């Protein structure tokens, strides 16, 4: 089993009516985080568990690939 620090996470984003959603997925353990930024700039972080179909689900929901930098800037409140 891979150590958590050796896993390359995958990042996705989507914008719906001015609300930005950023998702980080651990492709080995199927866990991750979601940051939701509302139209006022307030961010909410949720820790999530996914099933093995998460990548198909994200594609069906029209999420795009995102960068780790973008996710972490929002995570740390720098954007």
Protein backbone atom coordinates (compact mmCIF):
# COMPACT_ATOMS: atom_id res chain seq x y z
CA UNK A 1 0.00 0.00 0.00
CA UNK A 2 1.31 3.42 -0.91
CA UNK A 3 2.13 5.88 1.81
CA UNK A 4 -0.15 8.93 1.78
CA UNK A 5 2.83 11.26 1.25
CA UNK A 6 3.83 9.37 -1.94
CA UNK A 7 0.45 9.67 -3.63
CA UNK A 8 -0.02 12.11 -6.50
CA UNK A 9 -3.46 13.62 -5.98
CA UNK A 10 -5.68 14.65 -8.87
CA UNK A 11 -7.43 18.02 -8.95
CA UNK A 12 -10.65 19.15 -10.62
CA UNK A 13 -12.73 22.32 -10.80
CA UNK A 14 -16.11 23.55 -11.91
CA UNK A 15 -17.98 26.84 -11.76
CA UNK A 16 -21.77 26.95 -11.44
CA UNK A 17 -23.61 30.29 -11.35
CA UNK A 18 -20.59 32.07 -9.85
CA UNK A 19 -19.88 29.34 -7.29
CA UNK A 20 -16.48 27.70 -7.73
CA UNK A 21 -15.94 24.08 -6.69
CA UNK A 22 -12.44 22.62 -6.40
CA UNK A 23 -11.89 18.93 -5.68
CA UNK A 24 -8.75 17.02 -4.66
CA UNK A 25 -8.89 13.22 -5.09
CA UNK A 26 -6.51 10.63 -3.69
CA UNK A 27 -6.69 8.03 -6.51
CA UNK A 28 -5.43 5.19 -4.30
CA UNK A 29 -7.53 5.60 -1.14
CA UNK A 30 -10.48 7.37 -2.83
CA UNK A 31 -10.52 10.15 -0.26
CA UNK A 32 -10.18 13.85 -0.78
CA UNK A 33 -11.32 17.38 -0.16
CA UNK A 34 -13.77 19.78 -1.72
CA UNK A 35 -13.55 23.56 -1.47
CA UNK A 36 -16.68 25.51 -2.35
CA UNK A 37 -16.27 29.27 -2.84
CA UNK A 38 -19.52 31.25 -2.94
CA UNK A 39 -20.16 34.47 -4.84
CA UNK A 40 -19.10 36.52 -1.78
CA UNK A 41 -15.72 34.76 -1.65
CA UNK A 42 -16.47 32.68 1.45
CA UNK A 43 -14.89 29.23 1.29
CA UNK A 44 -16.09 25.98 2.83
CA UNK A 45 -13.89 22.88 3.07
CA UNK A 46 -15.29 19.35 3.25
CA UNK A 47 -13.37 16.10 3.63
CA UNK A 48 -14.89 13.39 1.43
CA UNK A 49 -14.74 9.67 0.71
CA UNK A 50 -15.32 8.54 -2.88
CA UNK A 51 -16.10 5.30 -4.64
CA UNK A 52 -14.08 3.84 -7.51
CA UNK A 53 -16.32 5.60 -10.06
CA UNK A 54 -15.36 9.12 -8.92
CA UNK A 55 -13.47 9.98 -12.10
CA UNK A 56 -16.39 9.00 -14.33
CA UNK A 57 -18.72 10.96 -12.04
CA UNK A 58 -16.56 14.09 -12.23
CA UNK A 59 -16.40 13.81 -16.01
CA UNK A 60 -20.19 13.35 -16.25
CA UNK A 61 -20.64 16.44 -14.04
CA UNK A 62 -18.37 18.39 -16.44
CA UNK A 63 -15.52 19.02 -14.01
CA UNK A 64 -12.27 20.14 -15.65
CA UNK A 65 -8.72 19.30 -14.65
CA UNK A 66 -7.28 21.82 -12.19
CA UNK A 67 -3.81 22.49 -10.87
CA UNK A 68 -2.56 21.66 -7.38
CA UNK A 69 -1.41 25.28 -7.11
CA UNK A 70 -4.92 26.66 -7.66
CA UNK A 71 -6.42 24.24 -5.11
CA UNK A 72 -3.78 25.05 -2.49
CA UNK A 73 -4.06 28.81 -2.99
CA UNK A 74 -7.77 28.59 -2.16
CA UNK A 75 -7.12 26.10 0.66
CA UNK A 76 -4.72 28.53 2.34
CA UNK A 77 -6.90 31.59 1.75
CA UNK A 78 -4.43 33.27 -0.59
CA UNK A 79 -6.95 33.89 -3.37
